Amino acid sequence: MKTFKSIYVEAASYFFILLFMYASVSKLLDFENFQVQLAQSPMLGAYAGVVSLLIIIVELSIVYFLVIRKFRLTGLYASLATMSAFSIYIFLVLNYSDSIPCSCGGILEKMDWNQHFIFNLCCVLLLIVAIIISNSTNTIKLMSRLALFTVLPILSVVLVYDINVDDHQGSFKRKVIEPLAMEYQTLKLPMNNYYLAGSYGDSLFLANHKTPLLLSTITPEFNSIKLDTIRLNNYKYDFVSVTINVLYPYFSVSDGKVPVIFEGKLPSLMAYETGINRLYFSRFYMLEPQNYVFKTMLVKTKESELGILNTAKKEYQIFPDALQKKTDGVFDTDGDLTLDHQNRKIVYTHYYRSEMVTADFNFRNIQRKRMIDSLSHMAIETKNLKNGQQKLVRSPSVINRVQTVYDNKFYNVSIMRGRNESRDVSRNNYIIDVYNNLTKQYLYSFYIRNTEHDKVRGILSTKHYFYVLSGNKITRYTFK
């Protein structure tokens, strides 16, 4: 008669047989895409060809050991080592990497990476219990083996990560000051996928991707969040990526993948469709009521361009001189927009180049300016897959993360550490570089502590405060 212990071990074995079989088969069926995704890894990119085959071989070998009863304990130890290595890899990528590149295949692709990390930790715990139950050796030997098959893989991954990950050190030297007071306030948010939709003085408007029509307002007192639900006059669309823009009191709700644009005016929460349904875009910001700047990819050239849309006239214009390609015209020109409404300037900051592009609201007077580090271009390698997709291979790290403009100052969150900065400084702080937005000259830099290693999602400067949106919180710092 089977005991609970034997049933537990058998059930755990079958679970990991299914898990590793499904993961390995998924990788084999989409092997080309798996190799490309693995090549984007900050620590494994250079070895993607070998590692991609090795991972599949290891997963299938574990399945074999778990299926054969006399090798089952070996299979459980191998599973423990593999899941421990995967867990620490995900932890390092989540906390110390600028991108999350690697796909594990199969059902795990449906999880976000925090869920994936928790799932892996649960698997490690499940395996430890199964090994303890099925092991007949003495306690000292058992603990030694458990330590060997957990600690050794973890240390190995950490070592490989430390050796291969670029720490982004440049030859420039920052001028560091402390413009912020020591005191700060923090508001916790219910989720970690919020973005800044706009502001009006020190009234902040937040939106999030999971509840796309929910508009959160933080009052100047910075002690509460008011929730409102935007209503649309037409819900017939299958929305994919909804974005809210607020230029108080006007706001827009858009989805560039549908595509569709709705417009409204606060305090009313009703938004009306504009009839613009032939313009696809990936970035979309309100310059002024019924006028927007957008980023799109042209079908003819398959290159990214910037343009201006007028929803009242239902007209748009593309400005092909704004973004200048150096390789593919898509990834090498990738970046984001920041608007200086005071001076009616558009600022485009490249992700992979230390260059900012500025233009008037009508895209006249286009200027380009190098930023403080010496990198004007980072090598970008792409690959066209058999299914027609173009993907990054060994993608460079994002140099410039998020930006904001206020009172002729341009604030940029940079990951590049200077000649005078230690690795601990860059890992435990947000580095904010400040430029004169009119002359584009570098002014100074300052640090904001980030010991929790939260990814910054947005920044905002006002007359008295500097706001940082990161993780599941927004923090307000006071200028001295």
Protein backbone atom coordinates (compact mmCIF):
# COMPACT_ATOMS: atom_id res chain seq x y z
CA MET A 1 0.00 0.00 0.00
CA LYS A 2 1.35 3.40 -0.99
CA THR A 3 2.08 5.84 1.81
CA PHE A 4 1.67 9.60 1.68
CA LYS A 5 5.45 9.99 1.31
CA SER A 6 5.65 7.70 -1.72
CA ILE A 7 2.63 9.40 -3.31
CA TYR A 8 4.21 12.84 -2.75
CA VAL A 9 7.52 11.83 -4.33
CA GLU A 10 5.77 10.19 -7.28
CA ALA A 11 3.49 13.19 -7.81
CA ALA A 12 6.46 15.59 -7.64
CA SER A 13 8.36 13.45 -10.15
CA TYR A 14 5.44 13.42 -12.60
CA PHE A 15 5.04 17.17 -12.21
CA PHE A 16 8.64 17.85 -13.19
CA ILE A 17 8.50 15.29 -15.99
CA LEU A 18 5.62 17.25 -17.50
CA LEU A 19 7.25 20.61 -16.77
CA PHE A 20 10.63 19.86 -18.35
CA MET A 21 9.14 17.88 -21.23
CA TYR A 22 6.76 20.71 -22.09
CA ALA A 23 9.50 23.35 -21.76
CA SER A 24 12.03 21.44 -23.90
CA VAL A 25 9.52 20.57 -26.64
CA SER A 26 8.34 24.20 -26.75
CA LYS A 27 11.93 25.35 -27.24
CA LEU A 28 12.53 22.79 -29.98
CA LEU A 29 9.37 23.77 -31.84
CA ASP A 30 10.42 27.44 -31.80
CA PHE A 31 14.17 26.90 -31.60
CA GLU A 32 15.18 29.85 -33.78
CA ASN A 33 13.20 32.29 -31.66
CA PHE A 34 14.52 30.70 -28.45
CA GLN A 35 18.11 31.18 -29.60
CA VAL A 36 17.47 34.82 -30.47
CA GLN A 37 15.84 35.49 -27.10
CA LEU A 38 18.69 33.78 -25.29
CA ALA A 39 21.19 35.81 -27.30
CA GLN A 40 19.65 38.94 -25.75
CA SER A 41 20.66 37.76 -22.28
CA PRO A 42 23.18 40.10 -20.64
CA MET A 43 25.14 37.12 -19.29
CA LEU A 44 24.59 34.36 -21.87
CA GLY A 45 24.39 36.29 -25.13
CA ALA A 46 27.88 35.38 -26.29
CA TYR A 47 27.22 31.67 -25.76
CA ALA A 48 23.62 31.51 -27.03
CA GLY A 49 24.29 28.82 -29.64
CA VAL A 50 25.86 26.38 -27.17
CA VAL A 51 23.69 27.25 -24.17
CA SER A 52 20.41 26.92 -26.10
CA LEU A 53 21.28 23.31 -27.01
CA LEU A 54 22.65 22.59 -23.54
CA ILE A 55 19.45 23.75 -21.80
CA ILE A 56 17.30 21.47 -23.96
CA ILE A 57 19.65 18.51 -23.41
CA VAL A 58 19.63 19.08 -19.63
CA GLU A 59 15.82 19.30 -19.53
CA LEU A 60 15.38 16.11 -21.56
CA SER A 61 18.01 14.32 -19.46
CA ILE A 62 16.13 15.25 -16.29
CA VAL A 63 12.96 13.81 -17.81
CA TYR A 64 14.81 10.54 -18.52
CA PHE A 65 16.16 10.29 -14.96
CA LEU A 66 12.75 11.00 -13.45
CA VAL A 67 10.97 8.45 -15.64
CA ILE A 68 13.36 5.59 -14.70
CA ARG A 69 12.54 4.71 -11.09
CA LYS A 70 16.07 3.70 -10.05
CA PHE A 71 17.42 7.05 -11.28
CA ARG A 72 14.57 9.11 -9.84
CA LEU A 73 16.55 10.52 -6.90
CA THR A 74 19.28 11.61 -9.32
CA GLY A 75 16.57 13.29 -11.41
CA LEU A 76 15.25 15.13 -8.35
CA TYR A 77 18.74 16.41 -7.49
CA ALA A 78 19.27 17.48 -11.11
CA SER A 79 15.90 19.23 -11.07
CA LEU A 80 16.88 21.03 -7.85
CA ALA A 81 20.16 22.24 -9.34
CA THR A 82 18.44 23.41 -12.52
CA MET A 83 15.60 25.23 -10.76
CA SER A 84 18.06 26.84 -8.32
CA ALA A 85 20.13 28.11 -11.25
CA PHE A 86 17.02 29.40 -13.07
CA SER A 87 15.83 31.13 -9.88
CA ILE A 88 19.02 33.05 -9.26
CA TYR A 89 19.23 33.93 -12.95
CA ILE A 90 15.76 35.47 -12.86
CA PHE A 91 16.60 37.29 -9.61
CA LEU A 92 19.73 38.82 -11.16
CA VAL A 93 17.94 39.83 -14.35
CA LEU A 94 15.02 41.35 -12.44
CA ASN A 95 17.23 43.35 -10.09
CA TYR A 96 20.42 44.11 -11.98
CA SER A 97 19.61 43.99 -15.69
CA ASP A 98 18.10 46.63 -17.95
CA SER A 99 16.10 44.13 -19.98
CA ILE A 100 14.40 40.79 -19.40
CA PRO A 101 15.25 38.90 -22.54
CA CYS A 102 15.14 35.15 -22.08
CA SER A 103 12.06 33.06 -22.72
CA CYS A 104 11.76 29.76 -20.92
CA GLY A 105 9.20 28.45 -23.37
CA GLY A 106 5.81 26.89 -22.92
CA ILE A 107 3.34 27.89 -20.28
CA LEU A 108 5.91 29.94 -18.36
CA GLU A 109 5.80 32.55 -21.13
CA LYS A 110 2.32 33.45 -19.86
CA MET A 111 3.77 34.55 -16.48
CA ASP A 112 5.46 37.85 -15.81
CA TRP A 113 8.95 37.55 -14.41
CA ASN A 114 8.03 38.18 -10.78
CA GLN A 115 5.45 35.38 -10.99
CA HIS A 116 8.03 33.22 -12.72
CA PHE A 117 10.49 33.84 -9.87
CA ILE A 118 7.90 32.86 -7.23
CA PHE A 119 6.98 29.78 -9.26
CA ASN A 120 10.64 28.72 -9.35
CA LEU A 121 11.06 29.18 -5.61
CA CYS A 122 7.98 27.02 -5.00
CA CYS A 123 9.49 24.36 -7.26
CA VAL A 124 12.75 24.46 -5.30
CA LEU A 125 10.84 23.99 -2.04
CA LEU A 126 8.78 21.14 -3.52
CA LEU A 127 11.98 19.41 -4.68
CA ILE A 128 13.73 19.78 -1.33
CA VAL A 129 10.78 18.14 0.43
CA ALA A 130 10.66 15.32 -2.15
CA ILE A 131 14.40 14.68 -1.78
CA ILE A 132 14.21 14.64 2.02
CA ILE A 133 11.33 12.18 1.92
CA SER A 134 12.96 9.81 -0.58
CA ASN A 135 16.48 9.97 0.83
CA SER A 136 17.76 7.16 3.07
CA THR A 137 21.18 8.64 3.89
CA ASN A 138 22.01 10.21 7.23
CA THR A 139 21.13 13.80 7.96
CA ILE A 140 24.64 15.22 7.50
CA LYS A 141 25.05 13.65 4.05
CA LEU A 142 21.56 14.76 3.08
CA MET A 143 22.17 18.37 4.10
CA SER A 144 25.53 18.37 2.34
CA ARG A 145 23.99 17.15 -0.92
CA LEU A 146 21.13 19.62 -0.69
CA ALA A 147 23.61 22.44 -0.14
CA LEU A 148 25.74 21.21 -3.05
CA PHE A 149 22.84 21.11 -5.50
CA THR A 150 21.47 24.50 -4.49
CA VAL A 151 24.40 26.68 -3.46
CA LEU A 152 26.82 25.53 -6.19
CA PRO A 153 24.45 26.32 -9.10
CA ILE A 154 23.62 29.67 -7.52
CA LEU A 155 27.28 30.63 -7.07
CA SER A 156 28.07 29.48 -10.60
CA VAL A 157 25.35 31.66 -12.11
CA VAL A 158 26.40 34.66 -10.01
CA LEU A 159 30.02 34.21 -11.11
CA VAL A 160 29.09 33.95 -14.81
CA TYR A 161 26.81 36.98 -14.46
CA ASP A 162 29.52 39.05 -12.77
CA ILE A 163 32.07 38.16 -15.44
CA ASN A 164 29.89 38.72 -18.48
CA VAL A 165 27.60 41.61 -17.60
CA ASP A 166 28.78 45.00 -18.77
CA ASP A 167 28.75 47.46 -15.88
CA HIS A 168 28.41 50.42 -18.29
CA GLN A 169 31.34 52.47 -17.12
CA GLY A 170 32.30 55.44 -19.25
CA SER A 171 35.34 57.71 -19.34
CA PHE A 172 33.37 60.83 -18.39
CA LYS A 173 33.24 62.37 -14.92
CA ARG A 174 30.00 63.58 -13.38
CA LYS A 175 29.58 66.75 -11.38
CA VAL A 176 27.50 65.47 -8.45
CA ILE A 177 25.48 67.78 -6.20
CA GLU A 178 22.60 67.27 -3.74
CA PRO A 179 19.64 69.41 -4.82
CA LEU A 180 17.11 67.40 -2.82
CA ALA A 181 16.35 67.55 0.88
CA MET A 182 16.79 64.41 2.97
CA GLU A 183 13.08 64.15 3.80
CA TYR A 184 10.72 62.52 1.32
CA GLN A 185 7.21 61.11 1.12
CA THR A 186 6.10 57.83 -0.42
CA LEU A 187 2.69 56.66 -1.56
CA LYS A 188 2.13 52.94 -2.06
CA LEU A 189 0.26 51.86 -5.17
CA PRO A 190 -1.87 48.70 -5.46
CA MET A 191 0.08 47.47 -8.50
CA ASN A 192 3.52 47.88 -10.03
CA ASN A 193 2.51 48.70 -13.60
CA TYR A 194 1.53 52.36 -13.27
CA TYR A 195 2.77 55.09 -15.58
CA LEU A 196 2.60 58.89 -15.44
CA ALA A 197 -0.27 60.01 -17.66
CA GLY A 198 0.23 63.73 -17.00
CA SER A 199 0.30 66.46 -14.39
CA TYR A 200 -1.15 69.84 -13.51
CA GLY A 201 1.16 71.61 -11.07
CA ASP A 202 1.52 69.08 -8.26
CA SER A 203 -1.63 67.21 -9.16
CA LEU A 204 -0.46 63.97 -10.75
CA PHE A 205 -2.40 61.69 -13.07
CA LEU A 206 -1.48 58.01 -13.11
CA ALA A 207 -2.81 55.18 -15.25
CA ASN A 208 -1.95 51.51 -15.46
CA HIS A 209 -1.98 48.83 -18.11
CA LYS A 210 -4.04 46.20 -16.28
CA THR A 211 -7.03 48.48 -15.71
CA PRO A 212 -6.51 50.76 -18.71
CA LEU A 213 -9.53 53.06 -18.22
CA LEU A 214 -8.85 53.72 -14.54
CA LEU A 215 -7.42 57.20 -13.95
CA SER A 216 -5.74 57.80 -10.59
CA THR A 217 -5.27 61.36 -9.35
CA ILE A 218 -2.80 62.29 -6.60
CA THR A 219 -3.62 65.65 -5.05
CA PRO A 220 -0.93 68.23 -4.13
CA GLU A 221 -1.24 67.19 -0.47
CA PHE A 222 0.26 63.85 -1.56
CA ASN A 223 -1.67 61.84 0.97
CA SER A 224 -4.38 60.08 -1.04
CA ILE A 225 -5.28 58.73 -4.45
CA LYS A 226 -8.58 59.52 -6.14
CA LEU A 227 -9.85 56.88 -8.56
CA ASP A 228 -12.02 57.64 -11.60
CA THR A 229 -13.12 55.46 -14.50
CA ILE A 230 -13.01 56.95 -17.98
CA ARG A 231 -16.01 56.09 -20.14
CA LEU A 232 -15.89 55.67 -23.90
CA ASN A 233 -18.71 56.32 -26.34
CA ASN A 234 -17.71 53.19 -28.27
CA TYR A 235 -16.50 49.87 -26.87
CA LYS A 236 -16.60 47.83 -30.06
CA TYR A 237 -12.80 47.56 -30.38
CA ASP A 238 -10.58 44.72 -29.21
CA PHE A 239 -8.11 46.87 -27.31
CA VAL A 240 -4.49 45.73 -27.09
CA SER A 241 -2.38 48.52 -25.57
CA VAL A 242 -4.40 51.42 -24.18
CA THR A 243 -2.60 54.62 -23.14
CA ILE A 244 -4.03 57.67 -21.38
CA ASN A 245 -2.57 61.15 -21.93
CA VAL A 246 -3.57 64.12 -19.78
CA LEU A 247 -2.82 67.72 -20.70
CA TYR A 248 -5.16 69.26 -18.15
CA PRO A 249 -8.05 69.68 -18.59
CA TYR A 250 -7.87 67.71 -21.85
CA PHE A 251 -7.16 64.01 -22.07
CA SER A 252 -6.99 61.26 -24.67
CA VAL A 253 -7.36 57.49 -24.65
CA SER A 254 -5.51 55.79 -27.48
CA ASP A 255 -4.47 52.38 -28.72
CA GLY A 256 -1.98 52.49 -31.56
CA LYS A 257 -2.32 48.80 -32.32
CA VAL A 258 -6.07 48.92 -33.06
CA PRO A 259 -5.75 51.86 -33.95
CA VAL A 260 -8.19 54.24 -32.27
CA ILE A 261 -8.14 57.58 -30.43
CA PHE A 262 -10.72 58.99 -28.01
CA GLU A 263 -10.72 62.52 -26.61
CA GLY A 264 -12.31 64.13 -23.57
CA LYS A 265 -12.15 67.09 -21.22
CA LEU A 266 -12.03 66.91 -17.42
CA PRO A 267 -13.91 66.96 -15.08
CA SER A 268 -16.13 64.97 -17.44
CA LEU A 269 -14.84 61.41 -17.78
CA MET A 270 -16.52 60.72 -21.11
CA ALA A 271 -14.20 60.31 -24.11
CA TYR A 272 -15.41 60.39 -27.70
CA GLU A 273 -13.98 58.61 -30.69
CA THR A 274 -12.16 60.85 -33.16
CA GLY A 275 -12.58 58.70 -36.25
CA ILE A 276 -8.83 58.25 -36.68
CA ASN A 277 -8.54 54.55 -37.49
CA ARG A 278 -5.81 54.22 -40.12
CA LEU A 279 -2.76 55.51 -38.23
CA TYR A 280 -0.79 52.91 -36.29
CA PHE A 281 1.66 54.15 -33.66
CA SER A 282 3.82 53.00 -30.77
CA ARG A 283 4.28 56.35 -28.97
CA PHE A 284 1.60 59.01 -28.64
CA TYR A 285 1.67 62.29 -26.67
CA MET A 286 -0.55 65.36 -26.60
CA LEU A 287 1.16 68.56 -27.74
CA GLU A 288 -2.00 70.63 -27.31
CA PRO A 289 -5.72 69.90 -27.63
CA GLN A 290 -6.36 67.81 -30.77
CA ASN A 291 -2.67 67.88 -31.72
CA TYR A 292 -0.31 64.98 -31.02
CA VAL A 293 3.20 63.81 -31.72
CA PHE A 294 3.51 60.12 -32.51
CA LYS A 295 6.03 57.47 -33.47
CA THR A 296 5.16 54.94 -36.15
CA MET A 297 6.75 52.40 -38.49
CA LEU A 298 6.24 52.99 -42.19
CA VAL A 299 5.08 49.94 -44.11
CA LYS A 300 7.05 50.90 -47.20
CA THR A 301 10.45 51.40 -45.58
CA LYS A 302 9.89 49.36 -42.40
CA GLU A 303 11.62 52.14 -40.46
CA SER A 304 10.48 54.16 -37.44
CA GLU A 305 9.50 57.79 -37.99
CA LEU A 306 8.01 60.66 -36.00
CA GLY A 307 4.95 62.62 -37.03
CA ILE A 308 2.27 65.13 -36.04
CA LEU A 309 -1.47 64.35 -35.97
CA ASN A 310 -4.35 66.82 -35.95
CA THR A 311 -7.54 65.00 -34.94
CA ALA A 312 -9.79 67.95 -35.80
CA LYS A 313 -8.64 67.95 -39.42
CA LYS A 314 -7.98 64.17 -39.41
CA GLU A 315 -4.60 64.86 -40.98
CA TYR A 316 -1.11 63.75 -40.09
CA GLN A 317 2.37 64.46 -41.39
CA ILE A 318 5.52 62.34 -41.21
CA PHE A 319 8.94 63.95 -40.70
CA PRO A 320 11.55 61.52 -42.08
CA ASP A 321 14.49 63.75 -41.12
CA ALA A 322 13.76 63.59 -37.39
CA LEU A 323 15.17 60.11 -36.72
CA GLN A 324 18.40 59.20 -38.46
CA LYS A 325 19.15 55.50 -38.74
CA LYS A 326 22.64 54.05 -38.46
CA THR A 327 21.80 50.37 -38.89
CA ASP A 328 18.25 49.06 -39.25
CA GLY A 329 16.07 52.14 -38.70
CA VAL A 330 13.97 50.40 -36.06
CA PHE A 331 15.99 49.26 -33.06
CA ASP A 332 18.85 51.72 -33.49
CA THR A 333 16.39 54.64 -33.52
CA ASP A 334 14.27 53.29 -30.66
CA GLY A 335 13.58 55.70 -27.84
CA ASP A 336 10.92 57.85 -26.23
CA LEU A 337 9.54 61.37 -26.29
CA THR A 338 9.46 64.12 -23.68
CA LEU A 339 7.52 67.35 -24.16
CA ASP A 340 8.59 70.81 -23.04
CA HIS A 341 5.28 72.67 -23.20
CA GLN A 342 6.80 75.86 -21.80
CA ASN A 343 9.13 76.28 -24.79
CA ARG A 344 7.01 74.20 -27.21
CA LYS A 345 9.81 71.71 -27.74
CA ILE A 346 9.80 67.98 -28.49
CA VAL A 347 12.74 66.05 -27.03
CA TYR A 348 13.46 62.56 -28.34
CA THR A 349 15.96 60.48 -26.37
CA HIS A 350 17.44 57.31 -27.86
CA TYR A 351 17.55 54.15 -25.76
CA TYR A 352 20.82 52.91 -27.24
CA ARG A 353 22.55 56.17 -28.17
CA SER A 354 23.76 59.01 -26.01
CA GLU A 355 22.01 61.53 -28.18
CA MET A 356 18.95 63.71 -27.80
CA VAL A 357 16.98 65.14 -30.71
CA THR A 358 14.98 68.35 -30.21
CA ALA A 359 12.47 70.05 -32.47
CA ASP A 360 9.71 72.63 -32.32
CA PHE A 361 6.12 71.40 -32.03
CA ASN A 362 5.89 71.54 -35.84
CA PHE A 363 9.23 69.71 -36.27
CA ARG A 364 11.11 72.74 -37.46
CA ASN A 365 14.57 73.56 -36.16
CA ILE A 366 15.63 69.94 -35.58
CA GLN A 367 18.81 69.75 -33.49
CA ARG A 368 20.94 66.84 -32.26
CA LYS A 369 23.12 66.91 -29.20
CA ARG A 370 25.49 64.36 -27.68
CA MET A 371 24.97 63.61 -24.02
CA ILE A 372 27.70 63.51 -21.39
CA ASP A 373 29.01 60.00 -21.91
CA SER A 374 31.11 59.21 -24.97
CA LEU A 375 28.74 56.71 -26.59
CA SER A 376 27.03 58.06 -29.68
CA HIS A 377 26.19 54.59 -30.96
CA MET A 378 26.15 51.06 -29.63
CA ALA A 379 26.43 48.04 -31.92
CA ILE A 380 23.03 46.53 -32.65
CA GLU A 381 22.63 43.15 -34.27
CA THR A 382 19.26 41.99 -35.61
CA LYS A 383 17.99 38.79 -37.19
CA ASN A 384 15.04 38.10 -39.46
CA LEU A 385 13.20 34.97 -38.37
CA LYS A 386 11.53 32.54 -40.76
CA ASN A 387 8.11 33.85 -39.70
CA GLY A 388 9.06 37.34 -40.92
CA GLN A 389 9.73 38.85 -37.47
CA GLN A 390 12.81 40.96 -36.92
CA LYS A 391 14.37 40.59 -33.48
CA LEU A 392 17.32 41.96 -31.60
CA VAL A 393 20.33 39.69 -31.17
CA ARG A 394 22.65 40.56 -28.28
CA SER A 395 20.76 43.76 -27.70
CA PRO A 396 22.72 46.61 -26.14
CA SER A 397 21.71 47.89 -22.75
CA VAL A 398 19.38 50.84 -22.48
CA ILE A 399 21.54 53.91 -21.85
CA ASN A 400 18.76 56.41 -21.14
CA ARG A 401 15.70 55.22 -19.25
CA VAL A 402 13.16 57.97 -18.58
CA GLN A 403 13.15 61.75 -18.81
CA THR A 404 11.26 64.87 -17.80
CA VAL A 405 11.53 68.61 -18.49
CA TYR A 406 10.79 71.55 -16.24
CA ASP A 407 11.93 75.18 -16.08
CA ASN A 408 14.45 74.76 -18.93
CA LYS A 409 16.03 71.74 -17.24
CA PHE A 410 16.07 68.32 -18.84
CA TYR A 411 16.33 65.42 -16.36
CA ASN A 412 17.51 62.02 -17.65
CA VAL A 413 17.81 58.75 -15.71
CA SER A 414 21.02 57.15 -16.98
CA ILE A 415 22.53 53.72 -16.30
CA MET A 416 26.03 54.70 -17.44
CA ARG A 417 28.39 55.06 -14.50
CA GLY A 418 31.15 57.60 -14.78
CA ARG A 419 34.86 57.29 -14.22
CA ASN A 420 34.44 58.52 -10.64
CA GLU A 421 31.57 56.18 -9.71
CA SER A 422 31.73 52.72 -8.17
CA ARG A 423 29.53 49.82 -9.21
CA ASP A 424 27.69 50.05 -5.87
CA VAL A 425 26.75 53.64 -6.65
CA SER A 426 25.11 52.72 -9.95
CA ARG A 427 23.40 49.64 -8.52
CA ASN A 428 21.96 51.29 -5.42
CA ASN A 429 20.96 54.67 -6.84
CA TYR A 430 19.05 56.26 -9.65
CA ILE A 431 21.54 58.49 -11.46
CA ILE A 432 19.87 61.69 -12.68
CA ASP A 433 21.77 63.79 -15.23
CA VAL A 434 20.55 67.36 -15.66
CA TYR A 435 20.96 69.42 -18.84
CA ASN A 436 20.04 72.94 -19.88
CA ASN A 437 17.11 72.23 -22.18
CA LEU A 438 17.78 75.29 -24.33
CA THR A 439 21.53 74.93 -24.88
CA LYS A 440 21.62 71.14 -24.23
CA GLN A 441 24.71 71.65 -22.09
CA TYR A 442 25.32 69.29 -19.18
CA LEU A 443 24.80 71.00 -15.81
CA TYR A 444 25.16 68.44 -13.00
CA SER A 445 23.99 65.07 -11.68
CA PHE A 446 22.44 63.80 -8.47
CA TYR A 447 21.65 60.44 -6.91
CA ILE A 448 18.41 59.06 -5.50
CA ARG A 449 18.72 55.97 -3.32
CA ASN A 450 17.30 52.77 -4.77
CA THR A 451 18.44 50.02 -2.43
CA GLU A 452 15.35 47.94 -3.30
CA HIS A 453 16.48 47.91 -6.96
CA ASP A 454 13.06 48.93 -8.28
CA LYS A 455 12.88 49.75 -11.97
CA VAL A 456 12.09 53.41 -12.51
CA ARG A 457 8.91 53.88 -14.56
CA GLY A 458 8.70 57.63 -14.66
CA ILE A 459 10.05 60.87 -13.24
CA LEU A 460 8.53 64.34 -12.96
CA SER A 461 9.89 67.69 -11.87
CA THR A 462 7.80 70.62 -10.65
CA LYS A 463 8.70 73.91 -9.00
CA HIS A 464 9.20 72.47 -5.52
CA TYR A 465 9.27 68.68 -5.94
CA PHE A 466 10.87 65.83 -7.82
CA TYR A 467 8.75 62.69 -8.25
CA VAL A 468 9.96 59.15 -8.93
CA LEU A 469 7.56 56.40 -9.96
CA SER A 470 9.15 53.00 -9.36
CA GLY A 471 7.97 49.52 -8.44
CA ASN A 472 4.60 49.83 -6.72
CA LYS A 473 5.18 53.27 -5.24
CA ILE A 474 5.63 56.94 -6.09
CA THR A 475 8.02 59.06 -4.04
CA ARG A 476 8.10 62.83 -3.71
CA TYR A 477 11.38 64.58 -2.94
CA THR A 478 11.63 68.27 -2.02
CA PHE A 479 14.09 70.56 -3.72
CA LYS A 480 16.27 72.47 -1.28
